[in-house]
Amino acid sequence: MPQPIGVLVVTSPGCHFCEDALRLLDELAETSPLQIETVPLSSERGRTLLVRHRVPFPPIVLVDGEFFGYGRISRRQLEARLMSLMASARAD
């Protein structure tokens, strides 16, 4: 089984985009090896990520340690990124 792909999601209470992103990741985790971590925006780490990536609102999504996106997350783009990572892992 391939190594899980780390996905970090910075969330905020009552954020419907955050709920949508987590729901999408749960669905994708059924077919892709994902290790999903959530970080509250109100935490020091969450605030640091907000400032570092200069995003106006959550969620902030990092895939394999790299900024992927924020706000409404595109299923198609996220699936493509995960497929690319899995393909490169198989090639190694």
Protein backbone atom coordinates (compact mmCIF):
# COMPACT_ATOMS: atom_id res chain seq x y z
CA MET A 1 0.00 0.00 0.00
CA PRO A 2 1.39 3.44 -0.91
CA GLN A 3 2.33 5.99 1.72
CA PRO A 4 -0.59 8.23 2.68
CA ILE A 5 -0.61 11.73 1.24
CA GLY A 6 -0.70 14.35 3.97
CA VAL A 7 -3.48 16.90 3.70
CA LEU A 8 -3.67 19.74 6.19
CA VAL A 9 -6.85 21.79 6.45
CA VAL A 10 -7.03 25.01 8.46
CA THR A 11 -10.63 25.41 9.58
CA SER A 12 -12.88 27.86 11.36
CA PRO A 13 -16.13 27.17 13.26
CA GLY A 14 -19.27 27.72 11.21
CA CYS A 15 -17.33 27.83 7.93
CA HIS A 16 -19.38 26.07 5.25
CA PHE A 17 -16.41 25.98 2.85
CA CYS A 18 -14.46 24.17 5.60
CA GLU A 19 -17.26 21.63 6.02
CA ASP A 20 -17.40 21.12 2.24
CA ALA A 21 -13.62 20.63 2.01
CA LEU A 22 -13.59 18.08 4.84
CA ARG A 23 -16.53 16.21 3.33
CA LEU A 24 -14.74 16.11 -0.04
CA LEU A 25 -11.55 14.83 1.58
CA ASP A 26 -13.49 12.13 3.44
CA GLU A 27 -14.97 11.00 0.11
CA LEU A 28 -11.57 11.00 -1.62
CA ALA A 29 -10.02 9.11 1.31
CA GLU A 30 -12.22 6.14 0.39
CA THR A 31 -10.18 5.64 -2.80
CA SER A 32 -6.90 7.48 -2.07
CA PRO A 33 -4.50 6.99 0.84
CA LEU A 34 -4.90 10.29 2.69
CA GLN A 35 -3.77 11.40 6.11
CA ILE A 36 -6.02 14.35 6.90
CA GLU A 37 -5.10 16.78 9.68
CA THR A 38 -7.22 19.74 10.74
CA VAL A 39 -5.88 22.84 12.44
CA PRO A 40 -8.10 25.53 13.94
CA LEU A 41 -7.62 28.96 12.41
CA SER A 42 -7.67 30.37 15.94
CA SER A 43 -4.54 28.40 16.90
CA GLU A 44 -1.04 29.83 16.58
CA ARG A 45 -0.28 27.38 13.78
CA GLY A 46 -3.51 28.28 11.97
CA ARG A 47 -2.83 32.01 12.18
CA THR A 48 0.76 31.46 10.99
CA LEU A 49 -0.48 29.55 7.93
CA LEU A 50 -3.09 32.25 7.22
CA VAL A 51 -0.42 34.95 7.19
CA ARG A 52 2.16 32.85 5.31
CA HIS A 53 -0.22 32.03 2.46
CA ARG A 54 -2.03 35.41 2.53
CA VAL A 55 -5.51 33.99 2.20
CA PRO A 56 -8.60 36.06 2.97
CA PHE A 57 -10.69 33.24 4.50
CA PRO A 58 -10.61 29.53 5.36
CA PRO A 59 -10.26 26.76 4.72
CA ILE A 60 -6.60 26.70 3.82
CA VAL A 61 -5.65 23.38 2.23
CA LEU A 62 -2.09 22.10 1.96
CA VAL A 63 -1.39 18.88 0.09
CA ASP A 64 1.86 17.07 0.76
CA GLY A 65 3.15 20.17 2.55
CA GLU A 66 2.43 22.55 -0.33
CA PHE A 67 -0.30 25.17 -0.57
CA PHE A 68 -3.18 23.82 -2.65
CA GLY A 69 -5.95 26.36 -2.21
CA TYR A 70 -8.46 28.08 0.04
CA GLY A 71 -12.17 28.72 0.19
CA ARG A 72 -14.22 26.58 -2.19
CA ILE A 73 -11.98 23.64 -3.12
CA SER A 74 -12.29 22.19 -6.62
CA ARG A 75 -12.90 18.45 -6.55
CA ARG A 76 -11.46 18.02 -10.05
CA GLN A 77 -8.26 19.92 -9.26
CA LEU A 78 -7.78 18.13 -5.95
CA GLU A 79 -8.31 14.72 -7.56
CA ALA A 80 -5.79 15.62 -10.29
CA ARG A 81 -3.22 16.70 -7.68
CA LEU A 82 -3.70 13.50 -5.67
CA MET A 83 -3.44 11.33 -8.80
CA SER A 84 -0.24 13.12 -9.77
CA LEU A 85 1.28 12.53 -6.33
CA MET A 86 0.27 8.87 -6.33
CA ALA A 87 1.69 8.37 -9.83
CA SER A 88 5.01 9.94 -8.88
CA ALA A 89 5.17 7.83 -5.72
CA ARG A 90 4.67 4.65 -7.79
CA ALA A 91 7.40 5.74 -10.19
CA ASP A 92 9.92 6.12 -7.35
